[in-house]
């Protein structure tokens, strides 16, 4: 049997917690376990089962900030019987308020008999050191520590308290910043060991649940400021959209769900496109094949975006395929794309370090066996001018390729050999005075070849060949 208290002033259901103060602890406990609170717990339990987020008896590490969302998450998971431990981050960004949050979390976990783990971060210093935003630094510090803690505590999952409003805000945030289809799917219920059991509920449901069970929480004052774009969306844009159309939030979430399904087909098409255009183990894109794709710029974006290239860069690369000359370079972070004649070369950016050479001089005898591999050169030691020098080739350099009599430009030789542009730039030459004696790893100069008059031979080997 369930009793329902009705206010004398209205027909609205009153919170049993209002009356709990006048009742015994045993009666108060009864009210907090009656079916009047079941809808929220049942809703979350059904969502966890539907999305296969947790299994009965799992040990769950709950990210607990002290705010309404994370407090509700902890209380619900405890009520559902999960073995919960809490993790709290103090980022020291809000002065006394940050310490207030930590104190509140400590008291809550003590009341609920939950093990609490805390971490303190100098977030501002970390952001400055890495030249990233404070928001990004806090996010990376938080999730890195959560994963370390999960492994140490043998937890089955890390539960965070994102809800439906967060998902709608993320959709709008990504839409305003510009994104592909993947950025318009809202927030996923699972990402590896990270689970979000409250994505079935909105902010209003969460605060109403906490009010019903008489559970207090803390409020982050920065959430009430519109300094950040997400807060502008939460405080101004989304409420305005709901004034225009009360179903705006629901429609956003429905659209995100549809795009999640559409993304599966999109991802399949992208993967098939990758296989058609990528060459050399994914280090080159065949230009002709790319231009035959239905959406070349979109496919190029999906391939290069994970490497740090943004949409404007991939658009510029795509334009270079039809109106650019070979040799154009596009760089971002640790990666570069070089427009070659038939391919786009995808390479890590590296400093051009000189090759390490080993030189040995020996007498030349009739039985001398001349090495034939391209990383070894045998030169007439008496024809060379010392000391030998090593440098990168320069525009206008010429040499006499072994077996020939006339001079040839180094650039023309490398082009004839179809040497990729990236390797051209790293081509070293061993010089005798002002003359090139060896195009390192390619071909020696005919003027320094071994012949019938040779008495001494210098053998030059590349110890660490630059492939």
Protein backbone atom coordinates (compact mmCIF):
# COMPACT_ATOMS: atom_id res chain seq x y z
CA UNK A 1 0.00 0.00 0.00
CA UNK A 2 1.29 3.48 -0.90
CA UNK A 3 0.12 6.60 0.88
CA UNK A 4 0.01 9.88 -1.02
CA UNK A 5 0.10 13.22 0.75
CA UNK A 6 -2.02 15.92 -0.88
CA UNK A 7 -1.57 19.59 -0.15
CA UNK A 8 -4.48 21.50 1.20
CA UNK A 9 -3.60 24.33 -1.19
CA UNK A 10 -3.32 22.40 -4.43
CA UNK A 11 -3.81 19.08 -6.09
CA UNK A 12 -0.08 18.65 -6.62
CA UNK A 13 1.71 15.71 -5.12
CA UNK A 14 3.84 16.83 -2.19
CA UNK A 15 7.30 15.54 -1.48
CA UNK A 16 7.21 12.95 1.33
CA UNK A 17 10.48 14.47 2.48
CA UNK A 18 8.46 17.49 3.61
CA UNK A 19 6.73 15.23 6.10
CA UNK A 20 9.70 13.04 6.87
CA UNK A 21 10.96 15.51 9.43
CA UNK A 22 7.88 14.74 11.55
CA UNK A 23 8.22 10.97 11.15
CA UNK A 24 10.52 8.41 12.71
CA UNK A 25 13.77 7.45 10.88
CA UNK A 26 12.23 4.08 10.04
CA UNK A 27 9.17 5.73 8.51
CA UNK A 28 11.36 8.21 6.63
CA UNK A 29 13.37 5.34 5.17
CA UNK A 30 10.11 3.71 4.12
CA UNK A 31 9.07 6.79 2.18
CA UNK A 32 12.38 6.96 0.37
CA UNK A 33 12.00 3.40 -0.86
CA UNK A 34 8.32 3.53 -1.85
CA UNK A 35 7.24 3.30 -5.48
CA UNK A 36 6.73 7.06 -5.62
CA UNK A 37 10.48 7.25 -6.41
CA UNK A 38 10.55 4.17 -8.61
CA UNK A 39 10.02 5.84 -12.04
CA UNK A 40 13.47 7.52 -12.09
CA UNK A 41 15.35 4.43 -10.87
CA UNK A 42 13.35 2.18 -13.16
CA UNK A 43 13.96 4.48 -16.12
CA UNK A 44 17.72 4.45 -15.54
CA UNK A 45 17.74 0.68 -14.91
CA UNK A 46 15.90 0.06 -18.18
CA UNK A 47 18.29 2.36 -20.06
CA UNK A 48 21.33 0.59 -18.59
CA UNK A 49 19.89 -2.77 -19.68
CA UNK A 50 18.85 -1.51 -23.12
CA UNK A 51 22.29 -0.03 -23.90
CA UNK A 52 24.13 -2.83 -22.05
CA UNK A 53 26.10 -0.31 -20.01
CA UNK A 54 26.51 -2.32 -16.81
CA UNK A 55 25.93 -5.81 -15.46
CA UNK A 56 24.47 -6.65 -12.05
CA UNK A 57 27.13 -6.49 -9.35
CA UNK A 58 29.58 -4.45 -11.43
CA UNK A 59 32.07 -2.28 -9.60
CA UNK A 60 31.49 1.23 -10.92
CA UNK A 61 33.76 4.24 -10.51
CA UNK A 62 31.42 7.24 -10.35
CA UNK A 63 32.76 10.64 -11.43
CA UNK A 64 31.46 12.79 -8.56
CA UNK A 65 31.77 16.56 -8.81
CA UNK A 66 29.15 17.33 -6.17
CA UNK A 67 26.75 18.87 -8.69
CA UNK A 68 23.16 17.72 -9.10
CA UNK A 69 23.86 15.38 -12.03
CA UNK A 70 26.73 13.43 -10.50
CA UNK A 71 25.06 13.24 -7.07
CA UNK A 72 21.89 11.84 -8.64
CA UNK A 73 23.98 9.34 -10.61
CA UNK A 74 25.67 8.07 -7.46
CA UNK A 75 22.42 7.80 -5.50
CA UNK A 76 20.62 5.97 -8.31
CA UNK A 77 23.43 3.48 -8.95
CA UNK A 78 23.65 2.76 -5.23
CA UNK A 79 19.87 2.24 -5.09
CA UNK A 80 20.16 -0.17 -8.04
CA UNK A 81 22.66 -2.28 -6.13
CA UNK A 82 25.91 -1.49 -7.92
CA UNK A 83 29.22 -1.58 -6.06
CA UNK A 84 30.15 2.10 -6.32
CA UNK A 85 33.29 4.04 -5.57
CA UNK A 86 33.55 7.78 -6.19
CA UNK A 87 36.26 9.84 -7.89
CA UNK A 88 36.48 13.60 -7.35
CA UNK A 89 38.80 16.05 -9.13
CA UNK A 90 39.78 19.34 -7.54
CA UNK A 91 41.04 21.51 -10.40
CA UNK A 92 41.68 24.53 -8.16
CA UNK A 93 40.07 26.90 -10.64
CA UNK A 94 37.37 28.46 -8.43
CA UNK A 95 39.22 29.21 -5.20
CA UNK A 96 37.21 28.45 -2.06
CA UNK A 97 34.34 27.09 -4.15
CA UNK A 98 36.54 24.22 -5.39
CA UNK A 99 37.41 23.31 -1.78
CA UNK A 100 33.72 23.61 -0.81
CA UNK A 101 32.84 21.05 -3.50
CA UNK A 102 35.48 18.64 -2.20
CA UNK A 103 34.21 18.99 1.37
CA UNK A 104 30.65 18.31 0.25
CA UNK A 105 31.67 15.21 -1.68
CA UNK A 106 33.57 13.89 1.34
CA UNK A 107 30.51 14.28 3.57
CA UNK A 108 28.21 12.69 0.99
CA UNK A 109 30.41 9.65 0.50
CA UNK A 110 30.76 9.22 4.25
CA UNK A 111 26.97 9.33 4.66
CA UNK A 112 26.48 6.81 1.85
CA UNK A 113 29.39 4.57 2.94
CA UNK A 114 31.12 4.98 -0.41
CA UNK A 115 34.89 4.87 -0.89
CA UNK A 116 36.12 8.22 -2.22
CA UNK A 117 39.23 8.94 -4.26
CA UNK A 118 40.35 12.52 -4.81
CA UNK A 119 42.94 14.14 -7.08
CA UNK A 120 44.30 17.69 -7.06
CA UNK A 121 45.44 19.32 -10.31
CA UNK A 122 47.22 22.56 -11.13
CA UNK A 123 45.04 22.93 -14.19
CA UNK A 124 46.04 26.45 -15.17
CA UNK A 125 49.73 25.55 -15.20
CA UNK A 126 49.07 22.40 -17.23
CA UNK A 127 47.06 24.38 -19.80
CA UNK A 128 49.83 26.98 -20.12
CA UNK A 129 52.53 24.31 -20.41
CA UNK A 130 50.72 22.51 -23.22
CA UNK A 131 49.32 25.64 -24.89
CA UNK A 132 45.74 24.38 -24.70
CA UNK A 133 42.56 25.79 -23.18
CA UNK A 134 41.88 25.33 -19.48
CA UNK A 135 38.69 23.45 -20.39
CA UNK A 136 40.65 21.00 -22.55
CA UNK A 137 43.38 20.59 -19.92
CA UNK A 138 40.81 19.79 -17.24
CA UNK A 139 39.09 17.27 -19.48
CA UNK A 140 42.31 15.43 -20.35
CA UNK A 141 43.57 15.42 -16.77
CA UNK A 142 40.23 14.13 -15.51
CA UNK A 143 39.81 11.25 -17.93
CA UNK A 144 43.45 10.16 -17.75
CA UNK A 145 43.18 9.91 -13.97
CA UNK A 146 39.81 8.14 -14.14
CA UNK A 147 41.33 5.44 -16.33
CA UNK A 148 44.35 5.01 -14.03
CA UNK A 149 41.99 4.69 -11.08
CA UNK A 150 39.72 2.25 -12.89
CA UNK A 151 42.65 -0.06 -13.52
CA UNK A 152 43.95 0.28 -9.96
CA UNK A 153 40.52 -0.45 -8.43
CA UNK A 154 39.61 -3.19 -10.95
CA UNK A 155 36.39 -1.32 -11.75
CA UNK A 156 34.19 -2.55 -14.60
CA UNK A 157 33.22 0.94 -15.75
CA UNK A 158 33.58 4.68 -15.21
CA UNK A 159 30.15 6.33 -14.92
CA UNK A 160 29.77 10.01 -15.78
CA UNK A 161 26.61 12.05 -15.39
CA UNK A 162 25.90 13.46 -18.85
CA UNK A 163 22.15 13.69 -19.50
CA UNK A 164 19.74 14.55 -22.32
CA UNK A 165 20.23 18.32 -22.03
CA UNK A 166 24.00 17.84 -22.29
CA UNK A 167 23.48 15.81 -25.46
CA UNK A 168 21.29 18.50 -27.04
CA UNK A 169 23.82 21.19 -26.06
CA UNK A 170 26.67 19.15 -27.56
CA UNK A 171 24.72 18.82 -30.83
CA UNK A 172 24.29 22.61 -31.04
CA UNK A 173 27.86 23.27 -29.93
CA UNK A 174 29.30 21.10 -32.69
CA UNK A 175 26.86 22.54 -35.22
CA UNK A 176 28.01 26.09 -34.42
CA UNK A 177 31.69 25.15 -34.53
CA UNK A 178 31.30 23.20 -37.74
CA UNK A 179 31.52 19.44 -37.87
CA UNK A 180 30.90 16.34 -39.92
CA UNK A 181 28.12 13.85 -39.39
CA UNK A 182 29.91 12.23 -36.44
CA UNK A 183 29.79 15.47 -34.46
CA UNK A 184 26.01 15.71 -34.79
CA UNK A 185 25.19 12.46 -33.02
CA UNK A 186 24.97 13.96 -29.55
CA UNK A 187 26.70 12.10 -26.71
CA UNK A 188 27.14 8.36 -26.94
CA UNK A 189 25.95 6.19 -24.03
CA UNK A 190 29.21 4.22 -24.05
CA UNK A 191 32.77 4.98 -25.07
CA UNK A 192 34.99 2.07 -24.08
CA UNK A 193 34.83 1.77 -20.29
CA UNK A 194 33.09 5.14 -20.00
CA UNK A 195 29.31 4.86 -19.55
CA UNK A 196 26.56 7.48 -19.26
CA UNK A 197 23.50 5.98 -17.52
CA UNK A 198 21.64 9.31 -17.22
CA UNK A 199 21.30 10.03 -20.95
CA UNK A 200 17.70 8.87 -20.63
CA UNK A 201 16.84 11.75 -18.26
CA UNK A 202 16.92 15.53 -18.51
CA UNK A 203 18.10 18.16 -16.05
CA UNK A 204 14.62 18.83 -14.70
CA UNK A 205 14.00 15.15 -13.95
CA UNK A 206 17.32 14.89 -12.16
CA UNK A 207 16.78 17.88 -9.87
CA UNK A 208 13.20 16.74 -9.17
CA UNK A 209 14.51 13.32 -8.16
CA UNK A 210 17.02 14.84 -5.76
CA UNK A 211 14.33 17.03 -4.25
CA UNK A 212 12.07 14.03 -3.66
CA UNK A 213 14.73 12.06 -1.83
CA UNK A 214 15.85 15.09 0.16
CA UNK A 215 19.37 15.06 -1.25
CA UNK A 216 21.23 18.36 -1.51
CA UNK A 217 24.06 19.18 -3.91
CA UNK A 218 26.40 22.05 -4.80
CA UNK A 219 26.18 24.43 -7.73
CA UNK A 220 29.17 25.43 -9.85
CA UNK A 221 28.90 29.21 -10.18
CA UNK A 222 30.64 29.15 -13.56
CA UNK A 223 27.66 27.24 -14.96
CA UNK A 224 25.62 30.39 -14.45
CA UNK A 225 28.04 32.56 -16.43
CA UNK A 226 27.98 32.83 -20.21
CA UNK A 227 31.73 33.13 -20.68
CA UNK A 228 31.92 29.77 -22.45
CA UNK A 229 30.08 28.86 -25.65
CA UNK A 230 28.41 25.84 -24.05
CA UNK A 231 27.00 28.05 -21.29
CA UNK A 232 25.70 30.52 -23.86
CA UNK A 233 23.87 27.63 -25.52
CA UNK A 234 22.51 26.37 -22.19
CA UNK A 235 21.47 29.73 -20.79
CA UNK A 236 20.30 31.56 -23.91
CA UNK A 237 20.13 29.64 -27.19
CA UNK A 238 18.33 26.46 -26.14
CA UNK A 239 15.70 28.28 -24.01
CA UNK A 240 15.05 30.64 -26.96
CA UNK A 241 14.64 27.69 -29.31
CA UNK A 242 12.17 26.11 -26.92
CA UNK A 243 10.20 29.35 -26.78
CA UNK A 244 9.91 29.22 -30.56
CA UNK A 245 9.12 25.51 -30.50
CA UNK A 246 8.55 23.74 -27.16
CA UNK A 247 9.59 20.48 -28.82
CA UNK A 248 12.95 21.89 -29.95
CA UNK A 249 15.06 19.86 -27.53
CA UNK A 250 13.20 16.63 -28.30
CA UNK A 251 13.53 17.26 -32.02
CA UNK A 252 17.27 17.85 -31.66
CA UNK A 253 17.66 14.56 -29.80
CA UNK A 254 15.55 12.70 -32.38
CA UNK A 255 17.68 14.18 -35.16
CA UNK A 256 20.85 13.12 -33.34
CA UNK A 257 19.45 9.58 -33.05
CA UNK A 258 18.64 9.49 -36.77
CA UNK A 259 22.13 10.72 -37.59
CA UNK A 260 23.60 7.99 -35.40
CA UNK A 261 21.92 5.41 -37.63
CA UNK A 262 22.89 7.33 -40.76
CA UNK A 263 26.50 7.46 -39.59
CA UNK A 264 26.72 3.68 -39.74
CA UNK A 265 25.97 3.80 -43.46
CA UNK A 266 28.24 6.82 -43.85
CA UNK A 267 31.12 5.08 -42.09
CA UNK A 268 30.69 2.02 -44.30
CA UNK A 269 30.86 4.21 -47.41
CA UNK A 270 33.93 6.03 -46.10
CA UNK A 271 35.73 2.75 -45.35
CA UNK A 272 34.98 1.48 -48.84
CA UNK A 273 36.25 4.76 -50.31
CA UNK A 274 39.45 4.48 -48.28
CA UNK A 275 40.17 1.08 -49.74
CA UNK A 276 39.67 2.40 -53.26
CA UNK A 277 42.02 5.38 -53.01
CA UNK A 278 44.72 4.61 -50.41
CA UNK A 279 48.06 3.24 -51.55
CA UNK A 280 51.36 2.24 -49.93
CA UNK A 281 49.86 1.06 -46.67
CA UNK A 282 47.80 4.20 -46.21
CA UNK A 283 50.72 6.59 -46.74
CA UNK A 284 49.54 7.83 -50.13
CA UNK A 285 46.24 8.80 -51.78
CA UNK A 286 45.84 8.11 -55.48
CA UNK A 287 44.73 11.45 -56.97
CA UNK A 288 42.98 10.03 -60.02
CA UNK A 289 40.97 7.58 -57.89
CA UNK A 290 40.07 10.29 -55.37
CA UNK A 291 38.70 12.60 -58.05
CA UNK A 292 36.45 9.80 -59.31
CA UNK A 293 34.76 9.45 -55.93
CA UNK A 294 31.21 10.90 -55.50
CA UNK A 295 32.38 13.35 -52.79
CA UNK A 296 36.18 13.75 -53.00
CA UNK A 297 36.51 16.59 -50.47
CA UNK A 298 34.38 14.78 -47.87
CA UNK A 299 36.34 11.55 -48.24
CA UNK A 300 39.62 13.48 -48.04
CA UNK A 301 38.41 15.21 -44.86
CA UNK A 302 37.55 11.88 -43.22
CA UNK A 303 41.03 10.53 -43.99
CA UNK A 304 43.00 13.60 -42.92
CA UNK A 305 40.91 15.01 -40.06
CA UNK A 306 42.12 12.36 -37.54
CA UNK A 307 45.67 13.58 -38.27
CA UNK A 308 44.75 17.15 -37.28
CA UNK A 309 43.81 18.72 -40.62
CA UNK A 310 40.72 20.95 -40.47
CA UNK A 311 38.06 21.44 -43.13
CA UNK A 312 39.61 24.55 -44.68
CA UNK A 313 42.93 22.74 -45.06
CA UNK A 314 41.39 19.66 -46.67
CA UNK A 315 39.43 21.93 -49.03
CA UNK A 316 42.68 23.65 -50.02
CA UNK A 317 44.34 20.28 -50.60
CA UNK A 318 41.41 19.19 -52.73
CA UNK A 319 41.66 22.35 -54.85
CA UNK A 320 45.37 21.71 -55.39
CA UNK A 321 44.52 18.46 -57.16
CA UNK A 322 43.15 20.31 -60.18
CA UNK A 323 44.79 23.75 -60.12
CA UNK A 324 48.05 23.17 -58.26
CA UNK A 325 51.53 22.09 -59.24
CA UNK A 326 53.35 19.09 -57.74
CA UNK A 327 55.40 19.96 -54.70
CA UNK A 328 52.82 21.95 -52.74
CA UNK A 329 52.90 21.13 -49.05
CA UNK A 330 50.25 21.27 -46.33
CA UNK A 331 51.24 20.90 -42.68
CA UNK A 332 49.56 20.51 -39.31
CA UNK A 333 51.02 19.31 -36.03
CA UNK A 334 53.09 16.18 -36.62
CA UNK A 335 51.82 15.52 -40.15
CA UNK A 336 52.22 16.88 -43.64
CA UNK A 337 50.58 16.19 -47.00
CA UNK A 338 52.70 16.70 -50.12
CA UNK A 339 51.11 17.04 -53.55
CA UNK A 340 53.13 14.70 -55.76
CA UNK A 341 52.51 14.01 -59.42
CA UNK A 342 50.10 11.08 -59.04
CA UNK A 343 49.56 10.87 -55.29
CA UNK A 344 49.08 12.86 -52.13
CA UNK A 345 51.85 11.72 -49.81
CA UNK A 346 50.93 11.52 -46.12
CA UNK A 347 53.99 11.76 -43.91
CA UNK A 348 55.09 12.52 -40.40
CA UNK A 349 56.99 15.77 -40.16
CA UNK A 350 60.60 15.03 -39.30
CA UNK A 351 63.79 17.00 -39.17
CA UNK A 352 66.13 16.11 -42.01
CA UNK A 353 68.99 14.43 -40.19
CA UNK A 354 72.15 13.62 -42.15
CA UNK A 355 72.85 9.96 -42.82
CA UNK A 356 75.59 8.31 -40.80
CA UNK A 357 78.42 7.26 -43.13
CA UNK A 358 81.21 4.76 -42.55
CA UNK A 359 84.34 5.24 -44.69
CA UNK A 360 87.17 2.76 -45.16
CA UNK A 361 90.19 3.04 -47.46
CA UNK A 362 91.85 -0.07 -48.85
CA UNK A 363 94.30 -1.03 -51.58
CA UNK A 364 92.74 -1.97 -54.88
CA UNK A 365 93.63 -5.48 -56.10
CA UNK A 366 92.46 -7.38 -59.16
CA UNK A 367 90.28 -9.61 -56.98
CA UNK A 368 88.51 -6.70 -55.29
CA UNK A 369 84.73 -7.33 -55.11
CA UNK A 370 82.81 -4.08 -55.72
CA UNK A 371 79.57 -3.95 -53.64
CA UNK A 372 76.47 -3.39 -55.77
CA UNK A 373 73.88 -2.25 -53.20
CA UNK A 374 72.68 1.36 -53.47
CA UNK A 375 73.72 2.23 -49.91
CA UNK A 376 77.41 1.64 -50.67
CA UNK A 377 79.72 3.63 -52.97
CA UNK A 378 83.23 2.60 -54.11
CA UNK A 379 85.32 5.55 -55.28
CA UNK A 380 88.89 6.03 -56.47
CA UNK A 381 90.52 7.47 -53.36
CA UNK A 382 93.22 9.31 -55.33
CA UNK A 383 90.76 11.19 -57.53
CA UNK A 384 88.97 12.78 -54.54
CA UNK A 385 89.68 16.16 -52.95
CA UNK A 386 89.72 16.06 -49.14
CA UNK A 387 88.09 16.60 -46.78
CA UNK A 388 84.89 15.14 -48.19
CA UNK A 389 81.75 17.06 -47.22
CA UNK A 390 78.12 16.03 -46.81
CA UNK A 391 75.18 18.34 -47.57
CA UNK A 392 71.65 18.37 -48.93
CA UNK A 393 71.47 18.78 -52.69
CA UNK A 394 70.74 22.28 -53.94
CA UNK A 395 68.94 23.71 -56.92
CA UNK A 396 71.32 23.80 -59.90
CA UNK A 397 73.48 20.90 -58.68
CA UNK A 398 74.83 18.65 -61.42
CA UNK A 399 76.84 15.45 -61.54
CA UNK A 400 77.95 12.83 -64.05
CA UNK A 401 75.91 9.69 -63.27
CA UNK A 402 77.97 6.49 -63.19
CA UNK A 403 78.26 5.00 -66.69
CA UNK A 404 77.57 8.30 -68.43
CA UNK A 405 79.84 11.03 -69.82
CA UNK A 406 77.62 14.12 -69.74
CA UNK A 407 76.43 16.16 -66.79
CA UNK A 408 72.88 15.83 -65.50
CA UNK A 409 70.95 18.00 -63.08
CA UNK A 410 70.32 16.28 -59.77
CA UNK A 411 66.68 17.42 -59.91
CA UNK A 412 66.22 15.85 -63.36
CA UNK A 413 67.89 12.63 -62.26
CA UNK A 414 65.60 12.30 -59.23
CA UNK A 415 62.55 13.09 -61.37
CA UNK A 416 63.53 10.45 -63.92
CA UNK A 417 63.94 8.00 -61.09
CA UNK A 418 60.40 8.90 -59.90
CA UNK A 419 61.74 9.71 -56.43
CA UNK A 420 58.84 11.06 -54.28
CA UNK A 421 58.99 14.75 -53.47
CA UNK A 422 59.42 14.08 -49.79
CA UNK A 423 62.52 11.96 -50.46
CA UNK A 424 63.87 14.52 -52.89
CA UNK A 425 64.04 17.09 -50.13
CA UNK A 426 66.01 14.67 -47.97
CA UNK A 427 68.53 13.76 -50.68
CA UNK A 428 72.09 14.13 -49.45
CA UNK A 429 75.23 14.45 -51.59
CA UNK A 430 78.85 13.57 -50.74
CA UNK A 431 81.11 16.21 -52.23
CA UNK A 432 84.73 16.25 -53.30
CA UNK A 433 85.57 19.92 -53.32
CA UNK A 434 82.84 21.56 -55.43
CA UNK A 435 81.96 18.32 -57.24
CA UNK A 436 79.38 15.74 -56.23
CA UNK A 437 81.11 12.38 -55.81
CA UNK A 438 78.02 10.42 -54.70
CA UNK A 439 74.31 11.02 -54.72
CA UNK A 440 73.94 9.20 -51.39
CA UNK A 441 71.89 6.06 -51.67
CA UNK A 442 71.36 6.59 -55.41
CA UNK A 443 74.34 6.82 -57.74
CA UNK A 444 78.03 7.72 -57.71
CA UNK A 445 79.69 10.19 -60.09
CA UNK A 446 81.40 8.62 -63.08
CA UNK A 447 84.45 10.92 -62.70
CA UNK A 448 85.41 9.10 -59.47
CA UNK A 449 84.84 5.55 -60.70
CA UNK A 450 87.29 2.71 -60.22
CA UNK A 451 89.31 1.98 -63.39
CA UNK A 452 92.55 0.32 -64.48
CA UNK A 453 94.64 3.13 -62.98
CA UNK A 454 93.05 2.87 -59.53
CA UNK A 455 95.49 2.08 -56.69
CA UNK A 456 93.40 2.85 -53.61
CA UNK A 457 89.64 2.55 -53.02
CA UNK A 458 87.48 4.36 -50.50
CA UNK A 459 84.35 2.42 -49.53
CA UNK A 460 81.53 4.60 -48.20
CA UNK A 461 78.54 2.91 -46.54
CA UNK A 462 75.33 4.36 -45.13
CA UNK A 463 75.03 2.90 -41.65
CA UNK A 464 71.42 4.05 -41.17
CA UNK A 465 69.97 4.33 -44.69
CA UNK A 466 67.17 6.90 -45.00
CA UNK A 467 64.46 4.94 -46.79
